[in-house]
C-alpha cells in the first residue's frame, strides 16, 4: 500500500484511499489512516505507539555504555562511531609524586575534592 504523493499532489482519489477512508494529508487524516490500518493488520505486524522512539533510545543508551567518554550530544545512530578516542583526555594536567612504583588504583572522593591512590609499592596516598 503506497499513499505517497505524486508531483506534490496527494493521491486522495485512489482506490486504496477510498477503501481506508483516508481524510487527507493533515494530522487528523494520518491518525485516522493509522487507526484503520491497525484494525486491518494482524497485531504482530503493527508496532505499538512510541515503540520506535523506545528502540532508538535503547540503542543510544547501548552506544553510550560502550563509549562512556563520548558526550551524549555527540552520539548518533545515523553514523557509525568513528574516532571516539578523541574525547579521552590525553594531556598531562598534573603529576602525582610520592609513589615509587606503578599506581594501580585511584578513587576520587564523592565531592571530587580529594584523590586516594594505591601503588604497586604498597603505599597509599590521599591528596
Foldseek 3Di string as FASTA:
>chain_A
DDQDDDPPDTPCPDPVNVVQVQDDDDPVRVVSSLVSVCVVDDPVVDDPPCPVVVVVVVVLVVVCVVLVLAPSVPDDPVDDDDPSVVSPDDDDPDDDDDDPAAWDDKDADPVRPWMWTAGPVGDIDID
